[in-house]
C-alpha atoms as a PDB file:
ATOM      1  CA  MET A   1     -25.888 106.506  61.373  1.00  0.00           C
ATOM      2  CA  HIS A   2     -25.808 110.251  62.090  1.00  0.00           C
ATOM      3  CA  PHE A   3     -26.535 109.492  65.708  1.00  0.00           C
ATOM      4  CA  LEU A   4     -23.482 107.265  66.051  1.00  0.00           C
ATOM      5  CA  GLY A   5     -21.324 109.771  64.202  1.00  0.00           C
ATOM      6  CA  ASP A   6     -22.351 112.563  66.561  1.00  0.00           C
ATOM      7  CA  ARG A   7     -21.516 110.424  69.567  1.00  0.00           C
ATOM      8  CA  VAL A   8     -18.056 109.630  68.199  1.00  0.00           C
ATOM      9  CA  GLU A   9     -17.373 113.333  67.598  1.00  0.00           C
ATOM     10  CA  ASN A  10     -18.503 114.201  71.132  1.00  0.00           C
ATOM     11  CA  ALA A  11     -16.112 111.585  72.478  1.00  0.00           C
ATOM     12  CA  SER A  12     -13.077 113.368  71.031  1.00  0.00           C
ATOM     13  CA  SER A  13     -12.390 114.957  74.386  1.00  0.00           C
ATOM     14  CA  MET A  14     -12.122 111.556  76.112  1.00  0.00           C
ATOM     15  CA  PRO A  15      -8.754 109.950  76.858  1.00  0.00           C
ATOM     16  CA  TYR A  16      -7.240 108.011  73.969  1.00  0.00           C
ATOM     17  CA  ILE A  17      -7.933 104.538  75.366  1.00  0.00           C
ATOM     18  CA  LEU A  18     -11.577 105.296  76.135  1.00  0.00           C
ATOM     19  CA  ARG A  19     -12.069 106.975  72.773  1.00  0.00           C
ATOM     20  CA  TYR A  20     -10.508 104.024  70.929  1.00  0.00           C
ATOM     21  CA  SER A  21     -12.636 101.526  72.891  1.00  0.00           C
ATOM     22  CA  TYR A  22     -15.743 103.557  72.103  1.00  0.00           C
ATOM     23  CA  LYS A  23     -14.944 103.502  68.387  1.00  0.00           C
ATOM     24  CA  VAL A  24     -14.416  99.729  68.443  1.00  0.00           C
ATOM     25  CA  TRP A  25     -17.697  99.198  70.283  1.00  0.00           C
ATOM     26  CA  SER A  26     -19.533 101.459  67.811  1.00  0.00           C
ATOM     27  CA  TRP A  27     -18.032  99.523  64.917  1.00  0.00           C
ATOM     28  CA  LEU A  28     -19.189  96.255  66.404  1.00  0.00           C
ATOM     29  CA  LEU A  29     -22.716  97.542  66.851  1.00  0.00           C
ATOM     30  CA  VAL A  30     -22.848  98.768  63.263  1.00  0.00           C
ATOM     31  CA  GLY A  31     -21.373  95.606  61.691  1.00  0.00           C
ATOM     32  CA  ALA A  32     -23.046  92.968  63.847  1.00  0.00           C
ATOM     33  CA  SER A  33     -26.031  92.471  66.043  1.00  0.00           C
ATOM     34  CA  ARG A  34     -25.892  93.218  69.750  1.00  0.00           C
ATOM     35  CA  ALA A  35     -26.606  89.567  70.570  1.00  0.00           C
ATOM     36  CA  THR A  36     -23.574  88.379  68.564  1.00  0.00           C
ATOM     37  CA  VAL A  37     -21.247  90.821  70.326  1.00  0.00           C
ATOM     38  CA  ILE A  38     -22.523  89.753  73.748  1.00  0.00           C
ATOM     39  CA  LEU A  39     -22.105  86.089  72.791  1.00  0.00           C
ATOM     40  CA  VAL A  40     -18.468  86.711  71.797  1.00  0.00           C
ATOM     41  CA  PHE A  41     -17.695  88.299  75.167  1.00  0.00           C
ATOM     42  CA  ILE A  42     -19.458  85.519  77.093  1.00  0.00           C
ATOM     43  CA  THR A  43     -17.566  82.860  75.128  1.00  0.00           C
ATOM     44  CA  GLY A  44     -14.255  84.595  75.827  1.00  0.00           C
ATOM     45  CA  PHE A  45     -15.082  84.870  79.526  1.00  0.00           C
ATOM     46  CA  TYR A  46     -15.890  81.159  79.776  1.00  0.00           C
ATOM     47  CA  ALA A  47     -12.720  80.262  77.855  1.00  0.00           C
ATOM     48  CA  ILE A  48     -10.598  82.196  80.370  1.00  0.00           C
ATOM     49  CA  LEU A  49     -12.499  80.664  83.287  1.00  0.00           C
ATOM     50  CA  THR A  50     -12.023  77.139  81.906  1.00  0.00           C
ATOM     51  CA  TRP A  51      -8.282  77.742  81.412  1.00  0.00           C
ATOM     52  CA  ARG A  52      -7.904  78.943  85.005  1.00  0.00           C
ATOM     53  CA  MET A  53      -9.802  75.918  86.340  1.00  0.00           C
ATOM     54  CA  ALA A  54      -7.669  73.523  84.271  1.00  0.00           C
ATOM     55  CA  LYS A  55      -4.513  75.203  85.549  1.00  0.00           C
ATOM     56  CA  ALA A  56      -5.690  74.923  89.165  1.00  0.00           C
ATOM     57  CA  ILE A  57      -6.535  71.215  88.731  1.00  0.00           C
ATOM     58  CA  SER A  58      -3.134  70.582  87.141  1.00  0.00           C
ATOM     59  CA  SER A  59      -1.345  72.309  90.029  1.00  0.00           C
ATOM     60  CA  GLN A  60      -3.362  70.303  92.555  1.00  0.00           C
ATOM     61  CA  THR A  61      -2.559  67.040  90.764  1.00  0.00           C
ATOM     62  CA  HIS A  62       1.161  67.865  90.708  1.00  0.00           C
ATOM     63  CA  ALA A  63       1.061  68.643  94.422  1.00  0.00           C
ATOM     64  CA  MET A  64      -0.539  65.249  95.112  1.00  0.00           C
ATOM     65  CA  ILE A  65       1.960  63.166  93.112  1.00  0.00           C
ATOM     66  CA  GLN A  66       5.178  65.136  93.635  1.00  0.00           C
ATOM     67  CA  PRO A  67       7.923  63.239  95.512  1.00  0.00           C
ATOM     68  CA  VAL A  68       8.633  64.217  99.108  1.00  0.00           C
ATOM     69  CA  ALA A  69      12.096  63.051 100.172  1.00  0.00           C
ATOM     70  CA  LEU A  70      14.269  63.356 103.272  1.00  0.00           C
ATOM     71  CA  LEU A  71      18.073  63.188 102.938  1.00  0.00           C
ATOM     72  CA  GLN A  72      20.170  62.351 105.998  1.00  0.00           C
ATOM     73  CA  PHE A  73      23.813  61.434 106.651  1.00  0.00           C
ATOM     74  CA  HIS A  74      24.891  58.727 109.084  1.00  0.00           C
ATOM     75  CA  TRP A  75      28.624  58.729 109.848  1.00  0.00           C
ATOM     76  CA  LYS A  76      30.558  55.594 110.725  1.00  0.00           C
ATOM     77  CA  GLU A  77      32.392  57.246 113.635  1.00  0.00           C
ATOM     78  CA  GLU A  78      32.576  60.979 114.324  1.00  0.00           C
ATOM     79  CA  GLU A  79      30.729  63.627 112.346  1.00  0.00           C
ATOM     80  CA  TYR A  80      31.961  64.132 108.749  1.00  0.00           C
ATOM     81  CA  TYR A  81      33.963  60.907 108.944  1.00  0.00           C
ATOM     82  CA  PRO A  82      34.730  59.809 105.332  1.00  0.00           C
ATOM     83  CA  ALA A  83      32.800  56.553 105.675  1.00  0.00           C
ATOM     84  CA  GLY A  84      29.224  55.733 106.528  1.00  0.00           C
ATOM     85  CA  TYR A  85      25.911  55.812 104.712  1.00  0.00           C
ATOM     86  CA  PHE A  86      23.235  58.268 103.729  1.00  0.00           C
ATOM     87  CA  GLU A  87      19.482  57.769 103.858  1.00  0.00           C
ATOM     88  CA  ILE A  88      16.874  58.692 101.240  1.00  0.00           C
ATOM     89  CA  LYS A  89      13.422  58.397 102.814  1.00  0.00           C
ATOM     90  CA  ASN A  90      10.027  58.768 101.165  1.00  0.00           C
ATOM     91  CA  LEU A  91       7.887  61.028 103.367  1.00  0.00           C
ATOM     92  CA  GLY A  92       5.052  61.329 100.855  1.00  0.00           C
ATOM     93  CA  ALA A  93       1.887  59.340 100.280  1.00  0.00           C
ATOM     94  CA  GLN A  94       2.957  58.156  96.809  1.00  0.00           C
ATOM     95  CA  PRO A  95       5.952  56.086  95.629  1.00  0.00           C
ATOM     96  CA  PHE A  96       8.652  57.933  93.714  1.00  0.00           C
ATOM     97  CA  LEU A  97      11.489  57.162  91.321  1.00  0.00           C
ATOM     98  CA  LEU A  98      15.164  57.841  91.856  1.00  0.00           C
ATOM     99  CA  LEU A  99      16.591  59.279  88.648  1.00  0.00           C
ATOM    100  CA  ASP A 100      20.057  60.283  89.850  1.00  0.00           C
ATOM    101  CA  VAL A 101      22.044  60.023  93.102  1.00  0.00           C
ATOM    102  CA  LYS A 102      25.341  61.894  93.412  1.00  0.00           C
ATOM    103  CA  LEU A 103      27.535  62.273  96.496  1.00  0.00           C
ATOM    104  CA  SER A 104      30.555  64.601  96.610  1.00  0.00           C
ATOM    105  CA  CYS A 105      33.255  64.889  99.242  1.00  0.00           C
ATOM    106  CA  HIS A 106      35.380  68.048  99.318  1.00  0.00           C
ATOM    107  CA  ARG A 107      38.799  68.370 100.926  1.00  0.00           C
ATOM    108  CA  TYR A 108      40.851  71.592 100.596  1.00  0.00           C
ATOM    109  CA  GLY A 109      40.226  72.186  96.895  1.00  0.00           C
ATOM    110  CA  ARG A 110      39.981  68.490  96.002  1.00  0.00           C
ATOM    111  CA  SER A 111      36.643  66.938  95.165  1.00  0.00           C
ATOM    112  CA  PHE A 112      35.693  63.250  94.990  1.00  0.00           C
ATOM    113  CA  THR A 113      32.345  62.282  93.485  1.00  0.00           C
ATOM    114  CA  GLU A 114      30.399  59.034  93.539  1.00  0.00           C
ATOM    115  CA  HIS A 115      27.501  58.363  91.129  1.00  0.00           C
ATOM    116  CA  TYR A 116      25.147  55.648  92.356  1.00  0.00           C
ATOM    117  CA  THR A 117      23.872  54.555  88.938  1.00  0.00           C
ATOM    118  CA  LEU A 118      22.853  51.189  90.400  1.00  0.00           C
ATOM    119  CA  TRP A 119      19.795  52.933  91.847  1.00  0.00           C
ATOM    120  CA  ASP A 120      18.681  54.624  88.618  1.00  0.00           C
ATOM    121  CA  GLU A 121      14.879  54.437  88.330  1.00  0.00           C
ATOM    122  CA  HIS A 122      14.629  52.620  91.659  1.00  0.00           C
ATOM    123  CA  ILE A 123      11.166  52.901  93.256  1.00  0.00           C
ATOM    124  CA  ILE A 124      10.892  53.882  96.925  1.00  0.00           C
ATOM    125  CA  PRO A 125       7.420  53.163  98.390  1.00  0.00           C
ATOM    126  CA  PRO A 126       5.825  55.550 100.926  1.00  0.00           C
ATOM    127  CA  GLY A 127       7.531  55.353 104.311  1.00  0.00           C
ATOM    128  CA  ASP A 128      10.470  53.297 103.021  1.00  0.00           C
ATOM    129  CA  SER A 129      14.135  54.282 102.861  1.00  0.00           C
ATOM    130  CA  LEU A 130      17.203  53.562 100.778  1.00  0.00           C
ATOM    131  CA  CYS A 131      20.564  53.606 102.555  1.00  0.00           C
ATOM    132  CA  PRO A 132      23.581  53.471 100.171  1.00  0.00           C
ATOM    133  CA  GLN A 133      27.014  53.300 101.794  1.00  0.00           C
ATOM    134  CA  PHE A 134      30.052  55.453 101.035  1.00  0.00           C
ATOM    135  CA  ASP A 135      33.744  55.192 101.862  1.00  0.00           C
ATOM    136  CA  PHE A 136      36.056  57.995 100.735  1.00  0.00           C
ATOM    137  CA  LYS A 137      38.732  56.933 103.221  1.00  0.00           C
ATOM    138  CA  ARG A 138      40.140  54.408 100.753  1.00  0.00           C
ATOM    139  CA  ARG A 139      40.432  57.068  98.073  1.00  0.00           C
ATOM    140  CA  PHE A 140      42.289  59.372 100.457  1.00  0.00           C
ATOM    141  CA  GLU A 141      44.687  56.583 101.400  1.00  0.00           C
ATOM    142  CA  LYS A 142      45.176  55.632  97.745  1.00  0.00           C
ATOM    143  CA  GLU A 143      46.217  59.191  96.871  1.00  0.00           C
ATOM    144  CA  LYS A 144      48.126  59.566 100.172  1.00  0.00           C
ATOM    145  CA  LEU A 145      46.022  62.485 101.373  1.00  0.00           C
ATOM    146  CA  SER A 146      45.707  63.400 105.027  1.00  0.00           C
ATOM    147  CA  TRP A 147      42.338  64.405 106.404  1.00  0.00           C
ATOM    148  CA  SER A 148      40.547  65.530 109.525  1.00  0.00           C
ATOM    149  CA  PRO A 149      36.759  64.992 109.664  1.00  0.00           C
ATOM    150  CA  SER A 150      35.883  68.045 111.731  1.00  0.00           C
ATOM    151  CA  ALA A 151      38.263  70.472 110.020  1.00  0.00           C
ATOM    152  CA  SER A 152      38.821  69.585 106.387  1.00  0.00           C
ATOM    153  CA  LEU A 153      35.909  67.545 105.015  1.00  0.00           C
ATOM    154  CA  SER A 154      32.539  68.598 103.648  1.00  0.00           C
ATOM    155  CA  TYR A 155      29.858  66.735 101.730  1.00  0.00           C
ATOM    156  CA  SER A 156      27.137  67.421  99.191  1.00  0.00           C
ATOM    157  CA  LEU A 157      24.353  64.959  98.403  1.00  0.00           C
ATOM    158  CA  GLU A 158      22.150  65.594  95.358  1.00  0.00           C
ATOM    159  CA  VAL A 159      19.181  63.362  94.551  1.00  0.00           C
ATOM    160  CA  VAL A 160      16.897  63.729  91.534  1.00  0.00           C
ATOM    161  CA  THR A 161      13.434  62.241  92.070  1.00  0.00           C
ATOM    162  CA  SER A 162      10.160  62.075  90.156  1.00  0.00           C
ATOM    163  CA  ASP A 163       6.720  60.561  90.306  1.00  0.00           C
ATOM    164  CA  LEU A 164       6.224  57.228  88.524  1.00  0.00           C
ATOM    165  CA  SER A 165       5.068  58.940  85.314  1.00  0.00           C
ATOM    166  CA  LYS A 166       8.078  61.321  85.366  1.00  0.00           C
ATOM    167  CA  HIS A 167       5.809  64.355  85.020  1.00  0.00           C
ATOM    168  CA  VAL A 168       6.983  66.032  88.234  1.00  0.00           C
ATOM    169  CA  VAL A 169      10.786  66.095  88.676  1.00  0.00           C
ATOM    170  CA  LEU A 170      12.420  67.539  91.799  1.00  0.00           C
ATOM    171  CA  THR A 171      16.087  67.782  92.789  1.00  0.00           C
ATOM    172  CA  TYR A 172      16.892  67.585  96.508  1.00  0.00           C
ATOM    173  CA  GLN A 173      20.246  68.691  97.932  1.00  0.00           C
ATOM    174  CA  ASN A 174      21.789  68.338 101.384  1.00  0.00           C
ATOM    175  CA  ILE A 175      25.036  70.110 102.407  1.00  0.00           C
ATOM    176  CA  PRO A 176      25.438  69.246 106.112  1.00  0.00           C
ATOM    177  CA  VAL A 177      28.453  71.467 106.852  1.00  0.00           C
ATOM    178  CA  LEU A 178      26.363  74.511 105.859  1.00  0.00           C
ATOM    179  CA  ALA A 179      23.095  73.110 107.262  1.00  0.00           C
ATOM    180  CA  VAL A 180      21.584  73.599 103.802  1.00  0.00           C
ATOM    181  CA  VAL A 181      18.701  71.400 102.639  1.00  0.00           C
ATOM    182  CA  ASN A 182      16.848  72.611  99.563  1.00  0.00           C
ATOM    183  CA  VAL A 183      14.708  71.440  96.669  1.00  0.00           C
ATOM    184  CA  ARG A 184      14.194  72.795  93.160  1.00  0.00           C
ATOM    185  CA  LYS A 185      12.084  71.845  90.169  1.00  0.00           C
ATOM    186  CA  GLY A 186      13.560  69.919  87.267  1.00  0.00           C
ATOM    187  CA  MET A 187      16.933  68.277  86.827  1.00  0.00           C
ATOM    188  CA  SER A 188      20.380  69.493  85.845  1.00  0.00           C
ATOM    189  CA  LEU A 189      21.516  69.503  82.226  1.00  0.00           C
ATOM    190  CA  ALA A 190      24.070  66.766  82.973  1.00  0.00           C
ATOM    191  CA  VAL A 191      21.377  64.394  84.275  1.00  0.00           C
ATOM    192  CA  ARG A 192      19.066  65.224  81.389  1.00  0.00           C
ATOM    193  CA  TRP A 193      21.866  64.526  78.898  1.00  0.00           C
ATOM    194  CA  ARG A 194      22.719  61.219  80.598  1.00  0.00           C
ATOM    195  CA  TYR A 195      19.150  59.976  80.231  1.00  0.00           C
ATOM    196  CA  PHE A 196      19.060  61.186  76.638  1.00  0.00           C
ATOM    197  CA  LEU A 197      22.120  59.039  75.842  1.00  0.00           C
ATOM    198  CA  LYS A 198      20.933  55.943  77.713  1.00  0.00           C
ATOM    199  CA  PRO A 199      19.010  54.365  74.779  1.00  0.00           C
ATOM    200  CA  VAL A 200      21.959  55.038  72.453  1.00  0.00           C
ATOM    201  CA  GLU A 201      24.404  53.377  74.848  1.00  0.00           C
ATOM    202  CA  TRP A 202      22.074  50.391  75.279  1.00  0.00           C
ATOM    203  CA  ARG A 203      21.766  49.850  71.520  1.00  0.00           C
ATOM    204  CA  TYR A 204      25.507  50.323  71.049  1.00  0.00           C
ATOM    205  CA  GLY A 205      26.190  47.683  73.721  1.00  0.00           C
ATOM    206  CA  ARG A 206      23.891  45.186  72.039  1.00  0.00           C
ATOM    207  CA  LEU A 207      25.514  45.802  68.670  1.00  0.00           C
ATOM    208  CA  LEU A 208      28.989  45.439  70.159  1.00  0.00           C
ATOM    209  CA  ASN A 209      28.077  42.126  71.786  1.00  0.00           C
ATOM    210  CA  ARG A 210      26.884  40.749  68.469  1.00  0.00           C
ATOM    211  CA  PHE A 211      30.243  41.464  66.815  1.00  0.00           C
ATOM    212  CA  ARG A 212      32.184  40.062  69.766  1.00  0.00           C
ATOM    213  CA  ARG A 213      30.343  36.729  69.620  1.00  0.00           C
ATOM    214  CA  PRO A 214      30.076  35.805  65.947  1.00  0.00           C
ATOM    215  CA  GLY A 215      28.007  32.705  65.216  1.00  0.00           C
ATOM    216  CA  SER A 216      26.351  32.690  68.624  1.00  0.00           C
ATOM    217  CA  GLN A 217      22.997  33.481  67.011  1.00  0.00           C
ATOM    218  CA  LYS A 218      21.754  31.600  63.998  1.00  0.00           C
END
């Protein structure tokens, strides 16, 4: 005991961190056996190593199943013409789900948006494509708006995709007038809220149909 006390007093000139670590180590040696202390450190080391290995395996699994999509525009006539179709192609080795498809057309402060809810949770196999059509020309004519494809129109296509288990969600965006094609993890709050309300809307529709057709079910 005197030996340990002398060593602690001699360590008073050490920096604070080293002195504090030395005191902790001395306390451990006094209160427990050396073998127990070594076992605690080995267990902690293996716990950290196991956590890092699990994290690496999880990242590798996500990389294998994450959706890889290509978004392209195909105009009916000249470039940026308000009618045509866009292509969503699966470039990956795994099928993926479409969770949300939104196309916007911008014209001098006005914005027209189309939501393609028909393709919600549609599966695109590897190498296959989906080619929904669009036609904003009718909407311009309905509102009596003039337009010029090369000078006044721009588009933005946003597609939310995921693997079949919905563990990896990616949002792809293509803005051709700016030559911007990007991808980010997750989905927007609006899309998340829409999927949160889907079961409620489905149950409400079933309940409404029952009241509209009394006596249809016995």
